[in-house]
C-alpha atoms as a PDB file:
ATOM      1  CA  MET A   1     -72.386 -74.014 -28.267  1.00  0.00           C
ATOM      2  CA  ARG A   2     -72.084 -73.376 -24.515  1.00  0.00           C
ATOM      3  CA  VAL A   3     -74.499 -70.894 -23.196  1.00  0.00           C
ATOM      4  CA  HIS A   4     -74.914 -69.679 -19.531  1.00  0.00           C
ATOM      5  CA  PHE A   5     -78.252 -68.426 -18.333  1.00  0.00           C
ATOM      6  CA  GLY A   6     -79.389 -67.964 -14.612  1.00  0.00           C
ATOM      7  CA  PRO A   7     -77.909 -71.146 -12.840  1.00  0.00           C
ATOM      8  CA  PHE A   8     -77.672 -73.237 -15.970  1.00  0.00           C
ATOM      9  CA  VAL A   9     -75.182 -74.029 -18.566  1.00  0.00           C
ATOM     10  CA  LEU A  10     -76.509 -75.489 -21.890  1.00  0.00           C
ATOM     11  CA  ASP A  11     -73.565 -77.615 -23.446  1.00  0.00           C
ATOM     12  CA  SER A  12     -74.107 -78.861 -27.033  1.00  0.00           C
ATOM     13  CA  GLY A  13     -70.959 -80.617 -27.297  1.00  0.00           C
ATOM     14  CA  SER A  14     -71.591 -82.887 -24.309  1.00  0.00           C
ATOM     15  CA  ARG A  15     -75.446 -82.745 -24.781  1.00  0.00           C
ATOM     16  CA  GLN A  16     -75.979 -81.709 -21.166  1.00  0.00           C
ATOM     17  CA  LEU A  17     -77.981 -79.285 -19.293  1.00  0.00           C
ATOM     18  CA  LEU A  18     -76.010 -78.238 -16.078  1.00  0.00           C
ATOM     19  CA  ARG A  19     -77.066 -76.622 -12.861  1.00  0.00           C
ATOM     20  CA  SER A  20     -74.112 -75.902 -10.511  1.00  0.00           C
ATOM     21  CA  ASP A  21     -72.102 -78.447 -12.590  1.00  0.00           C
ATOM     22  CA  HIS A  22     -74.637 -81.049 -11.876  1.00  0.00           C
ATOM     23  CA  ALA A  23     -76.461 -82.665 -14.977  1.00  0.00           C
ATOM     24  CA  VAL A  24     -80.158 -81.933 -15.233  1.00  0.00           C
ATOM     25  CA  HIS A  25     -82.307 -84.733 -17.064  1.00  0.00           C
ATOM     26  CA  LEU A  26     -83.766 -84.061 -20.224  1.00  0.00           C
ATOM     27  CA  SER A  27     -84.979 -86.555 -22.904  1.00  0.00           C
ATOM     28  CA  PRO A  28     -83.160 -86.394 -26.186  1.00  0.00           C
ATOM     29  CA  LYS A  29     -86.141 -84.738 -27.969  1.00  0.00           C
ATOM     30  CA  ALA A  30     -86.534 -82.126 -25.277  1.00  0.00           C
ATOM     31  CA  PHE A  31     -82.786 -81.392 -25.213  1.00  0.00           C
ATOM     32  CA  ASP A  32     -82.902 -80.916 -29.085  1.00  0.00           C
ATOM     33  CA  ILE A  33     -85.901 -78.323 -28.753  1.00  0.00           C
ATOM     34  CA  LEU A  34     -84.098 -76.364 -25.923  1.00  0.00           C
ATOM     35  CA  GLU A  35     -80.890 -76.453 -27.946  1.00  0.00           C
ATOM     36  CA  ILE A  36     -82.678 -74.979 -30.965  1.00  0.00           C
ATOM     37  CA  LEU A  37     -84.692 -72.217 -28.839  1.00  0.00           C
ATOM     38  CA  VAL A  38     -81.398 -71.171 -27.060  1.00  0.00           C
ATOM     39  CA  ALA A  39     -79.538 -70.944 -30.383  1.00  0.00           C
ATOM     40  CA  ARG A  40     -82.228 -68.906 -31.991  1.00  0.00           C
ATOM     41  CA  ARG A  41     -82.985 -66.810 -28.930  1.00  0.00           C
ATOM     42  CA  PRO A  42     -84.779 -64.221 -28.431  1.00  0.00           C
ATOM     43  CA  ASN A  43     -86.510 -65.043 -31.814  1.00  0.00           C
ATOM     44  CA  VAL A  44     -89.600 -66.987 -32.120  1.00  0.00           C
ATOM     45  CA  VAL A  45     -89.095 -70.544 -33.470  1.00  0.00           C
ATOM     46  CA  GLY A  46     -92.145 -71.801 -35.396  1.00  0.00           C
ATOM     47  CA  LYS A  47     -93.829 -75.149 -34.364  1.00  0.00           C
ATOM     48  CA  ASP A  48     -93.433 -76.409 -37.957  1.00  0.00           C
ATOM     49  CA  VAL A  49     -89.623 -75.757 -37.535  1.00  0.00           C
ATOM     50  CA  LEU A  50     -89.272 -77.446 -34.384  1.00  0.00           C
ATOM     51  CA  LEU A  51     -91.382 -80.414 -35.630  1.00  0.00           C
ATOM     52  CA  ASN A  52     -89.307 -80.877 -38.790  1.00  0.00           C
ATOM     53  CA  GLU A  53     -86.105 -80.584 -37.058  1.00  0.00           C
ATOM     54  CA  VAL A  54     -86.476 -82.654 -34.115  1.00  0.00           C
ATOM     55  CA  TRP A  55     -88.852 -85.418 -35.692  1.00  0.00           C
ATOM     56  CA  ALA A  56     -87.452 -85.234 -39.004  1.00  0.00           C
ATOM     57  CA  GLY A  57     -89.237 -87.488 -41.607  1.00  0.00           C
ATOM     58  CA  LYS A  58     -91.670 -88.483 -39.110  1.00  0.00           C
ATOM     59  CA  VAL A  59     -95.391 -87.570 -38.683  1.00  0.00           C
ATOM     60  CA  VAL A  60     -96.335 -86.413 -35.045  1.00  0.00           C
ATOM     61  CA  GLU A  61     -98.741 -84.309 -33.691  1.00  0.00           C
ATOM     62  CA  GLU A  62     -98.080 -80.875 -31.880  1.00  0.00           C
ATOM     63  CA  ALA A  63     -99.138 -82.660 -28.613  1.00  0.00           C
ATOM     64  CA  ASN A  64     -95.582 -84.265 -28.657  1.00  0.00           C
ATOM     65  CA  LEU A  65     -94.084 -80.827 -29.052  1.00  0.00           C
ATOM     66  CA  ALA A  66     -96.116 -79.563 -26.198  1.00  0.00           C
ATOM     67  CA  MET A  67     -95.085 -82.419 -23.999  1.00  0.00           C
ATOM     68  CA  ALA A  68     -91.449 -81.831 -24.677  1.00  0.00           C
ATOM     69  CA  VAL A  69     -91.805 -78.071 -23.856  1.00  0.00           C
ATOM     70  CA  GLY A  70     -93.498 -78.911 -20.642  1.00  0.00           C
ATOM     71  CA  GLU A  71     -90.428 -81.289 -19.670  1.00  0.00           C
ATOM     72  CA  ILE A  72     -88.014 -78.493 -20.410  1.00  0.00           C
ATOM     73  CA  ARG A  73     -90.038 -76.071 -18.168  1.00  0.00           C
ATOM     74  CA  LYS A  74     -90.013 -78.525 -15.380  1.00  0.00           C
ATOM     75  CA  ALA A  75     -86.414 -79.052 -15.760  1.00  0.00           C
ATOM     76  CA  LEU A  76     -85.673 -75.375 -15.684  1.00  0.00           C
ATOM     77  CA  GLY A  77     -88.245 -74.674 -12.835  1.00  0.00           C
ATOM     78  CA  ASP A  78     -90.169 -72.453 -15.149  1.00  0.00           C
ATOM     79  CA  ASP A  79     -93.759 -71.858 -13.905  1.00  0.00           C
ATOM     80  CA  SER A  80     -95.902 -73.654 -16.531  1.00  0.00           C
ATOM     81  CA  LYS A  81     -98.957 -71.351 -16.167  1.00  0.00           C
ATOM     82  CA  SER A  82     -96.713 -68.127 -16.128  1.00  0.00           C
ATOM     83  CA  PRO A  83     -93.442 -69.052 -17.891  1.00  0.00           C
ATOM     84  CA  THR A  84     -90.612 -66.505 -17.925  1.00  0.00           C
ATOM     85  CA  LEU A  85     -87.897 -68.822 -19.727  1.00  0.00           C
ATOM     86  CA  VAL A  86     -89.727 -70.708 -22.628  1.00  0.00           C
ATOM     87  CA  ILE A  87     -92.554 -68.432 -23.854  1.00  0.00           C
ATOM     88  CA  THR A  88     -95.408 -69.738 -25.943  1.00  0.00           C
ATOM     89  CA  VAL A  89     -96.348 -67.445 -28.875  1.00  0.00           C
ATOM     90  CA  ALA A  90     -99.827 -67.956 -29.829  1.00  0.00           C
ATOM     91  CA  ARG A  91    -100.525 -69.703 -33.124  1.00  0.00           C
ATOM     92  CA  ARG A  92     -96.769 -69.417 -33.991  1.00  0.00           C
ATOM     93  CA  GLY A  93     -94.351 -71.398 -31.698  1.00  0.00           C
ATOM     94  CA  TYR A  94     -92.025 -70.636 -28.790  1.00  0.00           C
ATOM     95  CA  ARG A  95     -89.279 -68.405 -27.855  1.00  0.00           C
ATOM     96  CA  PHE A  96     -86.396 -68.495 -25.308  1.00  0.00           C
ATOM     97  CA  ALA A  97     -86.682 -65.385 -23.114  1.00  0.00           C
ATOM     98  CA  ALA A  98     -83.770 -65.597 -20.736  1.00  0.00           C
ATOM     99  CA  ARG A  99     -80.712 -63.634 -21.403  1.00  0.00           C
ATOM    100  CA  GLY A 100     -77.638 -65.966 -22.143  1.00  0.00           C
ATOM    101  CA  ASP A 101     -74.178 -65.606 -22.226  1.00  0.00           C
ATOM    102  CA  ASP A 102     -72.083 -67.324 -24.990  1.00  0.00           C
ATOM    103  CA  LEU A 103     -69.207 -69.151 -23.165  1.00  0.00           C
ATOM    104  CA  ASP A 104     -67.501 -69.779 -26.494  1.00  0.00           C
ATOM    105  CA  ALA A 105     -67.460 -66.114 -27.372  1.00  0.00           C
ATOM    106  CA  GLY A 106     -63.982 -65.643 -26.235  1.00  0.00           C
ATOM    107  CA  VAL A 107     -62.348 -68.039 -28.716  1.00  0.00           C
ATOM    108  CA  ARG A 108     -63.841 -66.153 -31.814  1.00  0.00           C
ATOM    109  CA  PRO A 109     -61.186 -64.817 -34.125  1.00  0.00           C
ATOM    110  CA  ASP A 110     -62.603 -61.192 -34.018  1.00  0.00           C
ATOM    111  CA  ALA A 111     -61.851 -61.306 -30.210  1.00  0.00           C
ATOM    112  CA  GLN A 112     -58.185 -62.271 -30.606  1.00  0.00           C
ATOM    113  CA  ASP A 113     -57.170 -60.729 -33.847  1.00  0.00           C
ATOM    114  CA  GLY A 114     -57.934 -56.971 -33.464  1.00  0.00           C
ATOM    115  CA  GLY A 115     -61.738 -56.964 -33.656  1.00  0.00           C
ATOM    116  CA  TYR A 116     -62.205 -58.697 -37.066  1.00  0.00           C
ATOM    117  CA  PRO A 117     -62.716 -62.105 -38.343  1.00  0.00           C
ATOM    118  CA  ARG A 118     -59.747 -63.619 -40.371  1.00  0.00           C
ATOM    119  CA  TRP A 119     -61.680 -66.576 -41.861  1.00  0.00           C
ATOM    120  CA  TRP A 120     -65.237 -66.790 -43.241  1.00  0.00           C
ATOM    121  CA  LEU A 121     -67.584 -68.431 -45.765  1.00  0.00           C
ATOM    122  CA  THR A 122     -69.532 -66.374 -48.293  1.00  0.00           C
ATOM    123  CA  TRP A 123     -73.053 -67.865 -49.128  1.00  0.00           C
ATOM    124  CA  GLY A 124     -75.110 -65.900 -51.340  1.00  0.00           C
ATOM    125  CA  ASP A 125     -75.267 -62.197 -49.894  1.00  0.00           C
ATOM    126  CA  LYS A 126     -74.376 -63.746 -46.307  1.00  0.00           C
ATOM    127  CA  THR A 127     -70.948 -63.569 -44.679  1.00  0.00           C
ATOM    128  CA  LEU A 128     -70.489 -66.604 -42.171  1.00  0.00           C
ATOM    129  CA  PRO A 129     -67.554 -66.018 -39.921  1.00  0.00           C
ATOM    130  CA  LEU A 130     -65.534 -69.018 -38.820  1.00  0.00           C
ATOM    131  CA  ILE A 131     -63.743 -69.608 -35.455  1.00  0.00           C
ATOM    132  CA  GLN A 132     -60.707 -71.198 -34.432  1.00  0.00           C
ATOM    133  CA  GLY A 133     -61.169 -74.848 -33.898  1.00  0.00           C
ATOM    134  CA  GLU A 134     -64.007 -76.879 -35.186  1.00  0.00           C
ATOM    135  CA  ASN A 135     -66.935 -75.349 -37.169  1.00  0.00           C
ATOM    136  CA  ILE A 136     -70.050 -77.574 -37.559  1.00  0.00           C
ATOM    137  CA  ILE A 137     -71.919 -76.695 -40.601  1.00  0.00           C
ATOM    138  CA  GLY A 138     -75.180 -77.893 -40.979  1.00  0.00           C
ATOM    139  CA  ARG A 139     -79.026 -77.313 -41.108  1.00  0.00           C
ATOM    140  CA  HIS A 140     -79.568 -77.538 -37.368  1.00  0.00           C
ATOM    141  CA  PRO A 141     -79.978 -74.018 -35.997  1.00  0.00           C
ATOM    142  CA  ALA A 142     -77.468 -74.857 -33.271  1.00  0.00           C
ATOM    143  CA  SER A 143     -74.574 -75.266 -35.758  1.00  0.00           C
ATOM    144  CA  ASN A 144     -71.556 -72.920 -35.743  1.00  0.00           C
ATOM    145  CA  VAL A 145     -72.279 -72.148 -39.314  1.00  0.00           C
ATOM    146  CA  TRP A 146     -76.159 -72.473 -40.151  1.00  0.00           C
ATOM    147  CA  LEU A 147     -76.995 -73.213 -43.719  1.00  0.00           C
ATOM    148  CA  ASN A 148     -80.738 -73.445 -43.903  1.00  0.00           C
ATOM    149  CA  GLY A 149     -80.985 -75.424 -47.172  1.00  0.00           C
ATOM    150  CA  ALA A 150     -83.128 -78.396 -47.922  1.00  0.00           C
ATOM    151  CA  SER A 151     -80.201 -80.328 -49.379  1.00  0.00           C
ATOM    152  CA  VAL A 152     -77.982 -79.660 -46.265  1.00  0.00           C
ATOM    153  CA  SER A 153     -77.935 -82.282 -43.545  1.00  0.00           C
ATOM    154  CA  ARG A 154     -78.423 -81.215 -39.944  1.00  0.00           C
ATOM    155  CA  THR A 155     -74.727 -82.047 -39.250  1.00  0.00           C
ATOM    156  CA  HIS A 156     -73.338 -81.798 -42.733  1.00  0.00           C
ATOM    157  CA  ALA A 157     -69.506 -80.894 -42.647  1.00  0.00           C
ATOM    158  CA  CYS A 158     -66.849 -79.364 -40.529  1.00  0.00           C
ATOM    159  CA  VAL A 159     -64.396 -76.671 -41.192  1.00  0.00           C
ATOM    160  CA  VAL A 160     -61.272 -76.956 -38.934  1.00  0.00           C
ATOM    161  CA  VAL A 161     -59.214 -73.803 -38.265  1.00  0.00           C
ATOM    162  CA  THR A 162     -55.762 -74.285 -36.862  1.00  0.00           C
ATOM    163  CA  SER A 163     -52.410 -72.487 -37.064  1.00  0.00           C
ATOM    164  CA  ALA A 164     -51.510 -75.244 -39.667  1.00  0.00           C
ATOM    165  CA  GLY A 165     -54.300 -74.224 -42.066  1.00  0.00           C
ATOM    166  CA  VAL A 166     -57.916 -74.499 -42.699  1.00  0.00           C
ATOM    167  CA  THR A 167     -59.541 -77.925 -43.804  1.00  0.00           C
ATOM    168  CA  VAL A 168     -62.972 -79.056 -44.598  1.00  0.00           C
ATOM    169  CA  GLU A 169     -64.258 -82.675 -44.075  1.00  0.00           C
ATOM    170  CA  ASP A 170     -67.766 -84.209 -44.638  1.00  0.00           C
ATOM    171  CA  ARG A 171     -69.634 -85.497 -41.618  1.00  0.00           C
ATOM    172  CA  GLY A 172     -71.632 -88.198 -43.334  1.00  0.00           C
ATOM    173  CA  SER A 173     -74.129 -86.155 -45.009  1.00  0.00           C
ATOM    174  CA  ARG A 174     -76.738 -87.402 -47.312  1.00  0.00           C
ATOM    175  CA  ASN A 175     -75.901 -85.301 -50.279  1.00  0.00           C
ATOM    176  CA  GLY A 176     -72.189 -84.956 -49.932  1.00  0.00           C
ATOM    177  CA  THR A 177     -69.656 -82.068 -49.732  1.00  0.00           C
ATOM    178  CA  PHE A 178     -67.906 -80.911 -52.833  1.00  0.00           C
ATOM    179  CA  VAL A 179     -64.778 -78.867 -53.265  1.00  0.00           C
ATOM    180  CA  GLU A 180     -64.374 -77.383 -56.612  1.00  0.00           C
ATOM    181  CA  GLY A 181     -66.909 -79.648 -57.843  1.00  0.00           C
ATOM    182  CA  ASN A 182     -65.158 -82.777 -56.602  1.00  0.00           C
ATOM    183  CA  ARG A 183     -66.966 -84.966 -54.105  1.00  0.00           C
ATOM    184  CA  LEU A 184     -64.974 -84.873 -50.897  1.00  0.00           C
ATOM    185  CA  GLU A 185     -63.540 -88.056 -49.398  1.00  0.00           C
ATOM    186  CA  GLY A 186     -61.443 -87.181 -46.244  1.00  0.00           C
ATOM    187  CA  SER A 187     -60.206 -83.723 -45.261  1.00  0.00           C
ATOM    188  CA  HIS A 188     -59.188 -81.182 -47.761  1.00  0.00           C
ATOM    189  CA  LEU A 189     -56.970 -78.016 -47.227  1.00  0.00           C
ATOM    190  CA  LEU A 190     -58.791 -74.718 -48.182  1.00  0.00           C
ATOM    191  CA  VAL A 191     -57.080 -71.565 -49.668  1.00  0.00           C
ATOM    192  CA  ASP A 192     -58.600 -68.249 -50.138  1.00  0.00           C
ATOM    193  CA  GLY A 193     -61.289 -68.400 -52.958  1.00  0.00           C
ATOM    194  CA  THR A 194     -61.972 -72.039 -52.835  1.00  0.00           C
ATOM    195  CA  THR A 195     -65.664 -73.012 -53.844  1.00  0.00           C
ATOM    196  CA  VAL A 196     -67.252 -75.562 -51.405  1.00  0.00           C
ATOM    197  CA  THR A 197     -70.686 -76.985 -52.001  1.00  0.00           C
ATOM    198  CA  PHE A 198     -72.674 -78.666 -49.324  1.00  0.00           C
ATOM    199  CA  GLY A 199     -75.514 -80.592 -50.940  1.00  0.00           C
ATOM    200  CA  SER A 200     -76.627 -78.057 -53.464  1.00  0.00           C
ATOM    201  CA  GLU A 201     -75.810 -74.914 -51.444  1.00  0.00           C
ATOM    202  CA  THR A 202     -72.473 -73.349 -52.838  1.00  0.00           C
ATOM    203  CA  ALA A 203     -70.108 -71.034 -50.561  1.00  0.00           C
ATOM    204  CA  THR A 204     -66.684 -69.640 -51.046  1.00  0.00           C
ATOM    205  CA  TYR A 205     -64.051 -69.814 -48.450  1.00  0.00           C
ATOM    206  CA  ARG A 206     -62.347 -66.484 -47.730  1.00  0.00           C
ATOM    207  CA  GLU A 207     -59.319 -65.712 -45.734  1.00  0.00           C
ATOM    208  CA  TRP A 208     -57.863 -62.275 -44.916  1.00  0.00           C
ATOM    209  CA  SER A 209     -54.164 -61.729 -45.107  1.00  0.00           C
ATOM    210  CA  ASP A 210     -52.464 -58.336 -44.350  1.00  0.00           C
ATOM    211  CA  GLU A 211     -49.746 -59.135 -46.677  1.00  0.00           C
ATOM    212  CA  ALA A 212     -51.597 -60.395 -49.722  1.00  0.00           C
ATOM    213  CA  ALA A 213     -54.413 -57.603 -49.562  1.00  0.00           C
ATOM    214  CA  LEU A 214     -54.674 -55.382 -52.418  1.00  0.00           C
ATOM    215  CA  GLY A 215     -53.960 -51.748 -52.026  1.00  0.00           C
ATOM    216  CA  THR A 216     -56.949 -49.273 -52.333  1.00  0.00           C
ATOM    217  CA  GLU A 217     -57.422 -48.000 -55.777  1.00  0.00           C
ATOM    218  CA  PRO A 218     -57.694 -44.289 -56.255  1.00  0.00           C
ATOM    219  CA  VAL A 219     -60.975 -42.743 -57.514  1.00  0.00           C
ATOM    220  CA  ARG A 220     -60.662 -41.545 -61.009  1.00  0.00           C
ATOM    221  CA  GLU A 221     -62.370 -38.013 -61.534  1.00  0.00           C
ATOM    222  CA  LYS A 222     -64.769 -37.719 -64.270  1.00  0.00           C
ATOM    223  CA  ARG A 223     -63.895 -35.397 -67.031  1.00  0.00           C
ATOM    224  CA  ARG A 224     -65.954 -32.396 -67.375  1.00  0.00           C
ATOM    225  CA  ARG A 225     -67.548 -31.766 -70.874  1.00  0.00           C
END
């Protein structure tokens, strides 16, 4: 994820906050919080969500979160008394209020192939588009494909879309990645209809092909009695 807002660029890949191409220092925890808030903008992110994601498995007080948010505001030059970028929502959490431009939007398949995605995962009733290149799948809200399931690791797996095909590989997840019920070791080539399970969350890989698409079936008229 690379997002431009004001004079800043947040780059998840390099884990940097840049201002005019110069790195702005943020502690790892503060960077994680800013990354989540920017990814979920303009929605409010609850304090419990931030504490669970950033301090996973550790018992910490809300004061730690407040200190990290203060660090973010200082780095962004946001007035702590009247903030305009990182807003406190009373008794709930925080939200990122600045308008951000997604610098990675230009590589989305819907921007290259006639206005529609060519590859996607179906997860329950959700459709999760995939982009060309790497698609990080995980429970972290900044993931390319966000699977918010308790059995899914923050960085769980990666689906790679190239001209040679689409593959999936596990990224050291705690509960494993499975293709058609078999635990994944190394990378595995995906074809349309393949079932992939991340922890205990099952998704189906789908791929559009103009040549293989079925024709539209005619509607049969009901006979009058």
